[in-house]
Amino acid sequence: MDDPTSSLTAAELRRLDGFLKTAQRLRGRTLDAKLAEVGKVVDELLEQGYSPIVYCRFISTAQYVAEQLQEMLGSVHRGLRVVSVSGDDGGSEQRREKVDQLAQEAVRVLVATDCLSEGINLQEHFNAVVHYDLPWNPNRLEQRIGRVDRYGQERDTVREVLLYGVNNQMDLVVLDVLLRKN
C-alpha cells in the first residue's frame, strides 16, 4: 500500500486500508478464536511440563502468535520465553542459534514456520508439536513431528495437537485433503 509505483486506484487503496483496520481490530485473544485456542493448548502443555513448538504457515502469523502467547501466558508461567523463528531470521545457522538460545530457558515455546520442519533436530529441547496452520501436504505434518519425535527424545510421550476451525471453510477443506491423503 505504501509503494508509490503501485498501480492501485484510490478506491482500491481505501478498500485495502479498510481490510487492514478490520484485521488490526481482530488482534488478540478476545476476538481471535484460534489464538485463544492455541493459548489454552499451550498453557495446558506448559502445565504438564512440555516444551512445545507451534508451527505456522506464514512468517507474519508466527510473529503474531509468538508475541500474543508471550503476552497471554508470560504472567501465568514464570520465566516463560516465547520466540518465533522463520525464514526472515537469516540462514540456517542464525535460526539454529535462536533455537539454541531459547533452549537455555527452563520454560519455553518456539513458534516457527516450516523452515524448521527439516534439517534441524529439535528433540533435545522440545517435546510437543502444535499445528496452528494446516499444511496441504500430510508429509509436512510428518516432517514437523519428526523433528521432535525421534531418537534422542527423552520424553516417553511426545504430544501432537492439530488445530482447525470448525467454522473455517479453508481449514475444513485442508483437513479433508489431509485425511484423504493419509
N, C-alpha and C. Protein backbone atom coordinates (compact mmCIF):
# COMPACT_ATOMS: atom_id res chain seq x y z
N MET A 1 0.81 -1.19 0.00
CA MET A 1 0.00 0.00 0.00
C MET A 1 0.86 1.26 0.00
N ASP A 2 2.06 1.16 0.54
CA ASP A 2 2.93 2.34 0.62
C ASP A 2 3.82 2.50 -0.60
N ASP A 3 3.73 1.59 -1.56
CA ASP A 3 4.58 1.62 -2.74
C ASP A 3 4.10 2.72 -3.70
N PRO A 4 4.92 3.76 -3.92
CA PRO A 4 4.50 4.86 -4.80
C PRO A 4 4.35 4.43 -6.26
N THR A 5 4.96 3.31 -6.65
CA THR A 5 4.87 2.86 -8.04
C THR A 5 3.68 1.91 -8.24
N SER A 6 2.90 1.68 -7.20
CA SER A 6 1.76 0.77 -7.29
C SER A 6 0.72 1.31 -8.26
N SER A 7 0.08 0.39 -8.95
CA SER A 7 -0.94 0.80 -9.91
C SER A 7 -2.34 0.69 -9.33
N LEU A 8 -2.45 0.63 -8.02
CA LEU A 8 -3.76 0.54 -7.38
C LEU A 8 -4.46 1.90 -7.43
N THR A 9 -5.76 1.84 -7.63
CA THR A 9 -6.55 3.07 -7.64
C THR A 9 -6.78 3.54 -6.21
N ALA A 10 -7.23 4.78 -6.08
CA ALA A 10 -7.53 5.33 -4.75
C ALA A 10 -8.61 4.50 -4.06
N ALA A 11 -9.61 4.06 -4.82
CA ALA A 11 -10.69 3.24 -4.24
C ALA A 11 -10.13 1.90 -3.73
N GLU A 12 -9.23 1.30 -4.52
CA GLU A 12 -8.62 0.02 -4.10
C GLU A 12 -7.77 0.21 -2.85
N LEU A 13 -7.04 1.30 -2.79
CA LEU A 13 -6.22 1.59 -1.60
C LEU A 13 -7.09 1.80 -0.37
N ARG A 14 -8.22 2.51 -0.52
CA ARG A 14 -9.14 2.71 0.61
C ARG A 14 -9.71 1.37 1.08
N ARG A 15 -10.04 0.53 0.13
CA ARG A 15 -10.60 -0.79 0.48
C ARG A 15 -9.56 -1.64 1.22
N LEU A 16 -8.33 -1.64 0.72
CA LEU A 16 -7.26 -2.37 1.40
C LEU A 16 -7.00 -1.81 2.80
N ASP A 17 -7.03 -0.49 2.92
CA ASP A 17 -6.85 0.14 4.21
C ASP A 17 -7.96 -0.28 5.17
N GLY A 18 -9.17 -0.40 4.66
CA GLY A 18 -10.30 -0.88 5.47
C GLY A 18 -10.08 -2.30 5.96
N PHE A 19 -9.58 -3.17 5.07
CA PHE A 19 -9.26 -4.54 5.46
C PHE A 19 -8.21 -4.56 6.56
N LEU A 20 -7.18 -3.74 6.40
CA LEU A 20 -6.11 -3.67 7.39
C LEU A 20 -6.65 -3.23 8.75
N LYS A 21 -7.48 -2.22 8.77
CA LYS A 21 -8.05 -1.73 10.04
C LYS A 21 -8.93 -2.80 10.69
N THR A 22 -9.70 -3.52 9.89
CA THR A 22 -10.53 -4.60 10.43
C THR A 22 -9.65 -5.69 11.03
N ALA A 23 -8.61 -6.07 10.32
CA ALA A 23 -7.69 -7.11 10.81
C ALA A 23 -7.02 -6.67 12.11
N GLN A 24 -6.64 -5.41 12.21
CA GLN A 24 -5.99 -4.92 13.43
C GLN A 24 -6.96 -4.95 14.61
N ARG A 25 -8.24 -4.67 14.38
CA ARG A 25 -9.23 -4.73 15.46
C ARG A 25 -9.45 -6.16 15.94
N LEU A 26 -9.20 -7.14 15.09
CA LEU A 26 -9.42 -8.54 15.45
C LEU A 26 -8.24 -9.16 16.20
N ARG A 27 -7.14 -8.43 16.33
CA ARG A 27 -5.96 -8.95 17.02
C ARG A 27 -6.28 -9.27 18.48
N GLY A 28 -5.63 -10.32 18.98
CA GLY A 28 -5.75 -10.64 20.40
C GLY A 28 -6.76 -11.72 20.67
N ARG A 29 -6.66 -12.28 21.85
CA ARG A 29 -7.44 -13.47 22.20
C ARG A 29 -8.94 -13.22 22.34
N THR A 30 -9.36 -11.97 22.52
CA THR A 30 -10.78 -11.70 22.70
C THR A 30 -11.56 -12.00 21.44
N LEU A 31 -11.08 -11.55 20.29
CA LEU A 31 -11.81 -11.74 19.03
C LEU A 31 -11.17 -12.78 18.11
N ASP A 32 -9.98 -13.21 18.41
CA ASP A 32 -9.29 -14.20 17.58
C ASP A 32 -9.44 -15.57 18.25
N ALA A 33 -10.46 -16.31 17.83
CA ALA A 33 -10.77 -17.60 18.47
C ALA A 33 -9.63 -18.60 18.33
N LYS A 34 -8.96 -18.60 17.21
CA LYS A 34 -7.87 -19.55 17.00
C LYS A 34 -6.70 -19.22 17.94
N LEU A 35 -6.41 -17.96 18.11
CA LEU A 35 -5.37 -17.56 19.05
C LEU A 35 -5.75 -17.94 20.47
N ALA A 36 -7.00 -17.71 20.84
CA ALA A 36 -7.46 -18.10 22.19
C ALA A 36 -7.28 -19.60 22.39
N GLU A 37 -7.61 -20.38 21.38
CA GLU A 37 -7.49 -21.84 21.49
C GLU A 37 -6.03 -22.28 21.61
N VAL A 38 -5.15 -21.71 20.79
CA VAL A 38 -3.74 -22.09 20.90
C VAL A 38 -3.19 -21.67 22.26
N GLY A 39 -3.70 -20.56 22.80
CA GLY A 39 -3.29 -20.14 24.13
C GLY A 39 -3.66 -21.18 25.18
N LYS A 40 -4.88 -21.71 25.09
CA LYS A 40 -5.32 -22.77 26.02
C LYS A 40 -4.47 -24.03 25.87
N VAL A 41 -4.24 -24.43 24.63
CA VAL A 41 -3.47 -25.66 24.36
C VAL A 41 -2.04 -25.51 24.89
N VAL A 42 -1.39 -24.41 24.59
CA VAL A 42 -0.01 -24.19 25.03
C VAL A 42 0.04 -24.09 26.56
N ASP A 43 -0.93 -23.42 27.16
CA ASP A 43 -1.00 -23.32 28.62
C ASP A 43 -1.05 -24.72 29.25
N GLU A 44 -1.92 -25.59 28.72
CA GLU A 44 -2.04 -26.97 29.22
C GLU A 44 -0.73 -27.74 29.04
N LEU A 45 -0.11 -27.59 27.88
CA LEU A 45 1.16 -28.28 27.65
C LEU A 45 2.23 -27.82 28.63
N LEU A 46 2.32 -26.52 28.85
CA LEU A 46 3.30 -26.00 29.80
C LEU A 46 3.01 -26.49 31.22
N GLU A 47 1.72 -26.53 31.60
CA GLU A 47 1.33 -27.04 32.92
C GLU A 47 1.78 -28.49 33.10
N GLN A 48 1.77 -29.26 32.02
CA GLN A 48 2.16 -30.68 32.06
C GLN A 48 3.66 -30.87 31.89
N GLY A 49 4.41 -29.76 31.81
CA GLY A 49 5.86 -29.85 31.73
C GLY A 49 6.42 -29.99 30.33
N TYR A 50 5.60 -29.79 29.32
CA TYR A 50 6.08 -29.88 27.94
C TYR A 50 6.71 -28.56 27.50
N SER A 51 7.58 -28.67 26.51
CA SER A 51 8.16 -27.52 25.82
C SER A 51 7.71 -27.62 24.37
N PRO A 52 6.67 -26.88 23.99
CA PRO A 52 6.07 -27.06 22.66
C PRO A 52 6.68 -26.20 21.56
N ILE A 53 6.49 -26.69 20.35
CA ILE A 53 6.73 -25.93 19.12
C ILE A 53 5.36 -25.72 18.49
N VAL A 54 5.07 -24.49 18.13
CA VAL A 54 3.83 -24.16 17.43
C VAL A 54 4.22 -23.84 16.00
N TYR A 55 3.74 -24.66 15.06
CA TYR A 55 4.06 -24.44 13.65
C TYR A 55 2.98 -23.61 12.96
N CYS A 56 3.42 -22.58 12.25
CA CYS A 56 2.54 -21.71 11.47
C CYS A 56 3.01 -21.74 10.02
N ARG A 57 2.11 -21.43 9.12
CA ARG A 57 2.48 -21.44 7.70
C ARG A 57 3.18 -20.16 7.28
N PHE A 58 2.73 -19.03 7.79
CA PHE A 58 3.24 -17.74 7.33
C PHE A 58 4.11 -17.07 8.38
N ILE A 59 5.10 -16.33 7.91
CA ILE A 59 6.04 -15.62 8.79
C ILE A 59 5.30 -14.64 9.70
N SER A 60 4.42 -13.84 9.13
CA SER A 60 3.71 -12.85 9.94
C SER A 60 2.81 -13.52 10.98
N THR A 61 2.26 -14.68 10.65
CA THR A 61 1.44 -15.41 11.63
C THR A 61 2.32 -15.89 12.77
N ALA A 62 3.48 -16.43 12.47
CA ALA A 62 4.39 -16.92 13.51
C ALA A 62 4.80 -15.78 14.45
N GLN A 63 5.10 -14.64 13.89
CA GLN A 63 5.49 -13.50 14.72
C GLN A 63 4.33 -13.04 15.60
N TYR A 64 3.15 -12.97 15.03
CA TYR A 64 1.94 -12.57 15.77
C TYR A 64 1.64 -13.55 16.90
N VAL A 65 1.65 -14.84 16.59
CA VAL A 65 1.33 -15.86 17.59
C VAL A 65 2.36 -15.83 18.72
N ALA A 66 3.64 -15.70 18.40
CA ALA A 66 4.67 -15.65 19.44
C ALA A 66 4.47 -14.44 20.35
N GLU A 67 4.23 -13.29 19.75
CA GLU A 67 4.02 -12.06 20.53
C GLU A 67 2.80 -12.21 21.44
N GLN A 68 1.72 -12.73 20.90
CA GLN A 68 0.48 -12.86 21.67
C GLN A 68 0.61 -13.93 22.77
N LEU A 69 1.26 -15.05 22.48
CA LEU A 69 1.44 -16.09 23.50
C LEU A 69 2.29 -15.57 24.66
N GLN A 70 3.34 -14.81 24.35
CA GLN A 70 4.17 -14.24 25.41
C GLN A 70 3.32 -13.33 26.30
N GLU A 71 2.49 -12.52 25.67
CA GLU A 71 1.62 -11.60 26.41
C GLU A 71 0.57 -12.35 27.23
N MET A 72 -0.04 -13.38 26.63
CA MET A 72 -1.12 -14.13 27.29
C MET A 72 -0.62 -14.99 28.44
N LEU A 73 0.53 -15.63 28.26
CA LEU A 73 0.97 -16.65 29.21
C LEU A 73 2.17 -16.26 30.06
N GLY A 74 2.80 -15.15 29.74
CA GLY A 74 4.01 -14.73 30.45
C GLY A 74 3.82 -14.54 31.94
N SER A 75 2.66 -14.03 32.34
CA SER A 75 2.43 -13.81 33.77
C SER A 75 1.96 -15.08 34.48
N VAL A 76 1.47 -16.04 33.72
CA VAL A 76 0.98 -17.30 34.29
C VAL A 76 2.13 -18.29 34.51
N HIS A 77 3.07 -18.30 33.58
CA HIS A 77 4.21 -19.23 33.64
C HIS A 77 5.48 -18.41 33.86
N ARG A 78 5.92 -18.36 35.10
CA ARG A 78 7.11 -17.57 35.46
C ARG A 78 8.31 -17.97 34.60
N GLY A 79 8.97 -16.97 34.05
CA GLY A 79 10.18 -17.20 33.27
C GLY A 79 9.93 -17.65 31.85
N LEU A 80 8.67 -17.66 31.42
CA LEU A 80 8.35 -18.11 30.06
C LEU A 80 9.00 -17.21 29.02
N ARG A 81 9.56 -17.87 28.03
CA ARG A 81 10.11 -17.15 26.87
C ARG A 81 9.52 -17.77 25.62
N VAL A 82 8.89 -16.94 24.81
CA VAL A 82 8.31 -17.37 23.53
C VAL A 82 9.08 -16.67 22.43
N VAL A 83 9.57 -17.45 21.47
CA VAL A 83 10.37 -16.91 20.37
C VAL A 83 9.83 -17.45 19.06
N SER A 84 9.82 -16.59 18.05
CA SER A 84 9.45 -17.07 16.71
C SER A 84 10.72 -17.21 15.87
N VAL A 85 10.70 -18.23 15.02
CA VAL A 85 11.80 -18.47 14.09
C VAL A 85 11.17 -18.72 12.72
N SER A 86 11.66 -17.96 11.74
CA SER A 86 11.10 -18.08 10.39
C SER A 86 12.20 -17.86 9.36
N GLY A 87 11.83 -17.93 8.12
CA GLY A 87 12.77 -17.68 7.04
C GLY A 87 13.31 -16.26 7.05
N ASP A 88 12.67 -15.35 7.76
CA ASP A 88 13.14 -13.97 7.89
C ASP A 88 14.34 -13.85 8.84
N ASP A 89 14.66 -14.91 9.53
CA ASP A 89 15.71 -14.86 10.55
C ASP A 89 17.07 -15.27 10.02
N GLY A 90 17.34 -14.99 8.78
CA GLY A 90 18.64 -15.30 8.20
C GLY A 90 18.72 -16.74 7.73
N GLY A 91 19.95 -17.24 7.65
CA GLY A 91 20.18 -18.61 7.19
C GLY A 91 19.99 -19.63 8.29
N SER A 92 20.27 -20.87 7.96
CA SER A 92 20.05 -21.95 8.92
C SER A 92 20.90 -21.80 10.17
N GLU A 93 22.10 -21.24 10.05
CA GLU A 93 22.94 -21.04 11.24
C GLU A 93 22.33 -20.03 12.20
N GLN A 94 21.78 -18.94 11.67
CA GLN A 94 21.14 -17.93 12.53
C GLN A 94 19.90 -18.52 13.20
N ARG A 95 19.13 -19.31 12.45
CA ARG A 95 17.94 -19.92 13.03
C ARG A 95 18.33 -20.93 14.10
N ARG A 96 19.36 -21.71 13.83
CA ARG A 96 19.84 -22.68 14.82
C ARG A 96 20.30 -21.97 16.09
N GLU A 97 20.95 -20.82 15.94
CA GLU A 97 21.42 -20.04 17.08
C GLU A 97 20.24 -19.54 17.93
N LYS A 98 19.19 -19.07 17.27
CA LYS A 98 18.00 -18.63 18.01
C LYS A 98 17.38 -19.79 18.79
N VAL A 99 17.30 -20.95 18.16
CA VAL A 99 16.74 -22.14 18.82
C VAL A 99 17.62 -22.53 20.01
N ASP A 100 18.93 -22.53 19.82
CA ASP A 100 19.85 -22.89 20.91
C ASP A 100 19.75 -21.92 22.07
N GLN A 101 19.59 -20.63 21.79
CA GLN A 101 19.42 -19.65 22.87
C GLN A 101 18.12 -19.89 23.62
N LEU A 102 17.05 -20.16 22.89
CA LEU A 102 15.77 -20.45 23.53
C LEU A 102 15.86 -21.71 24.37
N ALA A 103 16.62 -22.69 23.92
CA ALA A 103 16.75 -23.96 24.64
C ALA A 103 17.35 -23.79 26.03
N GLN A 104 18.02 -22.69 26.28
CA GLN A 104 18.59 -22.43 27.60
C GLN A 104 17.52 -22.04 28.62
N GLU A 105 16.36 -21.66 28.15
CA GLU A 105 15.27 -21.24 29.05
C GLU A 105 14.56 -22.45 29.63
N ALA A 106 14.22 -22.39 30.89
CA ALA A 106 13.54 -23.51 31.54
C ALA A 106 12.11 -23.67 31.03
N VAL A 107 11.42 -22.57 30.81
CA VAL A 107 10.05 -22.60 30.31
C VAL A 107 10.06 -21.89 28.96
N ARG A 108 9.78 -22.65 27.90
CA ARG A 108 9.97 -22.11 26.56
C ARG A 108 8.91 -22.61 25.58
N VAL A 109 8.63 -21.75 24.61
CA VAL A 109 7.74 -22.08 23.50
C VAL A 109 8.41 -21.54 22.24
N LEU A 110 8.52 -22.38 21.25
CA LEU A 110 9.05 -21.98 19.96
C LEU A 110 7.88 -21.91 18.98
N VAL A 111 7.75 -20.78 18.31
CA VAL A 111 6.74 -20.63 17.26
C VAL A 111 7.53 -20.51 15.96
N ALA A 112 7.26 -21.42 15.02
CA ALA A 112 8.10 -21.50 13.83
C ALA A 112 7.29 -21.72 12.57
N THR A 113 7.89 -21.34 11.47
CA THR A 113 7.34 -21.70 10.17
C THR A 113 8.00 -23.02 9.78
N ASP A 114 7.65 -23.51 8.61
CA ASP A 114 8.18 -24.79 8.18
C ASP A 114 9.67 -24.74 7.83
N CYS A 115 10.31 -23.59 8.01
CA CYS A 115 11.76 -23.54 7.81
C CYS A 115 12.46 -24.43 8.83
N LEU A 116 11.77 -24.78 9.92
CA LEU A 116 12.36 -25.69 10.92
C LEU A 116 11.81 -27.10 10.85
N SER A 117 11.02 -27.40 9.83
CA SER A 117 10.46 -28.75 9.73
C SER A 117 11.43 -29.72 9.08
N GLU A 118 12.55 -29.21 8.62
CA GLU A 118 13.59 -30.07 8.03
C GLU A 118 14.96 -29.56 8.47
N GLY A 119 15.88 -30.47 8.64
CA GLY A 119 17.28 -30.09 8.83
C GLY A 119 17.76 -29.83 10.24
N ILE A 120 16.90 -29.40 11.12
CA ILE A 120 17.32 -29.12 12.49
C ILE A 120 16.61 -30.10 13.41
N ASN A 121 17.39 -30.87 14.15
CA ASN A 121 16.81 -31.80 15.11
C ASN A 121 16.46 -31.04 16.38
N LEU A 122 15.21 -31.14 16.77
CA LEU A 122 14.72 -30.37 17.90
C LEU A 122 14.36 -31.25 19.10
N GLN A 123 14.64 -32.55 19.01
CA GLN A 123 14.20 -33.49 20.03
C GLN A 123 14.86 -33.29 21.39
N GLU A 124 16.00 -32.64 21.43
CA GLU A 124 16.67 -32.44 22.71
C GLU A 124 16.06 -31.31 23.52
N HIS A 125 15.33 -30.41 22.87
CA HIS A 125 14.84 -29.22 23.56
C HIS A 125 13.32 -29.07 23.57
N PHE A 126 12.62 -29.86 22.75
CA PHE A 126 11.17 -29.72 22.64
C PHE A 126 10.52 -31.09 22.62
N ASN A 127 9.27 -31.16 23.10
CA ASN A 127 8.63 -32.47 23.22
C ASN A 127 7.12 -32.43 22.93
N ALA A 128 6.68 -31.40 22.25
CA ALA A 128 5.28 -31.30 21.82
C ALA A 128 5.23 -30.45 20.56
N VAL A 129 4.29 -30.78 19.68
CA VAL A 129 4.11 -30.04 18.43
C VAL A 129 2.65 -29.63 18.32
N VAL A 130 2.43 -28.36 18.05
CA VAL A 130 1.09 -27.83 17.80
C VAL A 130 1.07 -27.31 16.37
N HIS A 131 0.14 -27.82 15.58
CA HIS A 131 -0.01 -27.37 14.20
C HIS A 131 -1.07 -26.26 14.20
N TYR A 132 -0.62 -25.01 14.20
CA TYR A 132 -1.53 -23.87 14.20
C TYR A 132 -2.19 -23.71 12.84
N ASP A 133 -1.40 -23.86 11.80
CA ASP A 133 -1.91 -23.83 10.43
C ASP A 133 -1.75 -25.21 9.82
N LEU A 134 -2.75 -25.63 9.08
CA LEU A 134 -2.71 -26.94 8.45
C LEU A 134 -2.02 -26.86 7.09
N PRO A 135 -1.03 -27.71 6.84
CA PRO A 135 -0.42 -27.75 5.51
C PRO A 135 -1.26 -28.63 4.59
N TRP A 136 -1.19 -28.37 3.29
CA TRP A 136 -1.93 -29.19 2.32
C TRP A 136 -1.35 -30.59 2.21
N ASN A 137 -0.09 -30.72 2.48
CA ASN A 137 0.60 -31.99 2.29
C ASN A 137 0.78 -32.72 3.62
N PRO A 138 0.26 -33.94 3.74
CA PRO A 138 0.41 -34.69 5.00
C PRO A 138 1.88 -34.98 5.33
N ASN A 139 2.74 -35.00 4.33
CA ASN A 139 4.17 -35.21 4.60
C ASN A 139 4.73 -34.07 5.45
N ARG A 140 4.19 -32.88 5.28
CA ARG A 140 4.65 -31.73 6.06
C ARG A 140 4.36 -31.96 7.55
N LEU A 141 3.19 -32.53 7.85
CA LEU A 141 2.88 -32.86 9.25
C LEU A 141 3.90 -33.85 9.80
N GLU A 142 4.23 -34.85 9.01
CA GLU A 142 5.22 -35.85 9.44
C GLU A 142 6.59 -35.22 9.65
N GLN A 143 6.97 -34.30 8.76
CA GLN A 143 8.27 -33.64 8.91
C GLN A 143 8.31 -32.80 10.18
N ARG A 144 7.22 -32.11 10.47
CA ARG A 144 7.17 -31.28 11.68
C ARG A 144 7.35 -32.13 12.92
N ILE A 145 6.56 -33.17 13.05
CA ILE A 145 6.63 -34.01 14.26
C ILE A 145 7.93 -34.80 14.29
N GLY A 146 8.45 -35.11 13.09
CA GLY A 146 9.70 -35.87 13.01
C GLY A 146 10.92 -35.13 13.54
N ARG A 147 10.85 -33.83 13.64
CA ARG A 147 11.96 -33.04 14.23
C ARG A 147 12.01 -33.22 15.74
N VAL A 148 10.90 -33.68 16.33
CA VAL A 148 10.79 -33.78 17.78
C VAL A 148 10.70 -35.23 18.24
N ASP A 149 9.88 -36.02 17.57
CA ASP A 149 9.65 -37.41 17.97
C ASP A 149 10.62 -38.31 17.22
N ARG A 150 11.83 -38.39 17.76
CA ARG A 150 12.89 -39.15 17.10
C ARG A 150 13.90 -39.61 18.12
N TYR A 151 14.86 -40.40 17.66
CA TYR A 151 15.92 -40.91 18.53
C TYR A 151 16.57 -39.74 19.27
N GLY A 152 16.72 -39.88 20.57
CA GLY A 152 17.30 -38.83 21.38
C GLY A 152 16.26 -38.06 22.19
N GLN A 153 14.98 -38.29 21.89
CA GLN A 153 13.90 -37.65 22.66
C GLN A 153 13.84 -38.31 24.03
N GLU A 154 13.96 -37.52 25.08
CA GLU A 154 13.97 -38.06 26.45
C GLU A 154 12.58 -38.36 26.98
N ARG A 155 11.58 -37.71 26.48
CA ARG A 155 10.22 -37.88 26.97
C ARG A 155 9.59 -39.12 26.36
N ASP A 156 8.91 -39.93 27.18
CA ASP A 156 8.24 -41.13 26.67
C ASP A 156 7.10 -40.80 25.72
N THR A 157 6.40 -39.72 26.01
CA THR A 157 5.26 -39.33 25.20
C THR A 157 5.51 -37.94 24.61
N VAL A 158 5.44 -37.86 23.29
CA VAL A 158 5.51 -36.58 22.60
C VAL A 158 4.08 -36.24 22.21
N ARG A 159 3.63 -35.05 22.58
CA ARG A 159 2.26 -34.62 22.29
C ARG A 159 2.22 -33.94 20.93
N GLU A 160 1.12 -34.18 20.21
CA GLU A 160 0.88 -33.52 18.93
C GLU A 160 -0.57 -33.04 18.91
N VAL A 161 -0.76 -31.76 18.59
CA VAL A 161 -2.10 -31.17 18.57
C VAL A 161 -2.30 -30.52 17.21
N LEU A 162 -3.41 -30.83 16.59
CA LEU A 162 -3.77 -30.28 15.29
C LEU A 162 -4.95 -29.33 15.49
N LEU A 163 -4.73 -28.04 15.28
CA LEU A 163 -5.81 -27.05 15.44
C LEU A 163 -6.50 -26.82 14.11
N TYR A 164 -7.82 -26.73 14.16
CA TYR A 164 -8.57 -26.34 12.98
C TYR A 164 -9.89 -25.72 13.44
N GLY A 165 -10.40 -24.84 12.63
CA GLY A 165 -11.65 -24.17 12.97
C GLY A 165 -12.82 -24.85 12.30
N VAL A 166 -13.80 -25.26 13.11
CA VAL A 166 -14.97 -25.92 12.53
C VAL A 166 -15.81 -24.93 11.72
N ASN A 167 -15.62 -23.63 11.95
CA ASN A 167 -16.34 -22.62 11.18
C ASN A 167 -15.43 -21.96 10.15
N ASN A 168 -14.25 -22.54 9.93
CA ASN A 168 -13.30 -22.00 8.96
C ASN A 168 -13.31 -22.92 7.74
N GLN A 169 -13.94 -22.47 6.69
CA GLN A 169 -14.11 -23.29 5.50
C GLN A 169 -12.77 -23.79 4.94
N MET A 170 -11.75 -22.93 4.95
CA MET A 170 -10.44 -23.32 4.41
C MET A 170 -9.82 -24.43 5.26
N ASP A 171 -9.89 -24.31 6.59
CA ASP A 171 -9.37 -25.36 7.46
C ASP A 171 -10.07 -26.69 7.17
N LEU A 172 -11.37 -26.66 6.98
CA LEU A 172 -12.11 -27.90 6.72
C LEU A 172 -11.74 -28.51 5.38
N VAL A 173 -11.51 -27.69 4.36
CA VAL A 173 -11.08 -28.20 3.06
C VAL A 173 -9.70 -28.86 3.19
N VAL A 174 -8.77 -28.17 3.86
CA VAL A 174 -7.42 -28.72 4.02
C VAL A 174 -7.46 -29.99 4.87
N LEU A 175 -8.26 -29.99 5.95
CA LEU A 175 -8.37 -31.18 6.79
C LEU A 175 -8.90 -32.35 5.98
N ASP A 176 -9.88 -32.11 5.13
CA ASP A 176 -10.42 -33.16 4.26
C ASP A 176 -9.33 -33.71 3.34
N VAL A 177 -8.54 -32.82 2.75
CA VAL A 177 -7.43 -33.25 1.88
C VAL A 177 -6.44 -34.09 2.67
N LEU A 178 -6.09 -33.63 3.86
CA LEU A 178 -5.11 -34.37 4.70
C LEU A 178 -5.63 -35.76 5.05
N LEU A 179 -6.91 -35.85 5.42
CA LEU A 179 -7.48 -37.15 5.80
C LEU A 179 -7.55 -38.09 4.61
N ARG A 180 -7.88 -37.57 3.45
CA ARG A 180 -7.96 -38.43 2.26
C ARG A 180 -6.58 -38.89 1.80
N LYS A 181 -5.55 -38.06 1.97
CA LYS A 181 -4.20 -38.41 1.52
C LYS A 181 -3.50 -39.35 2.50
N ASN A 182 -3.92 -39.32 3.74
CA ASN A 182 -3.23 -40.08 4.78
C ASN A 182 -3.50 -41.52 4.72
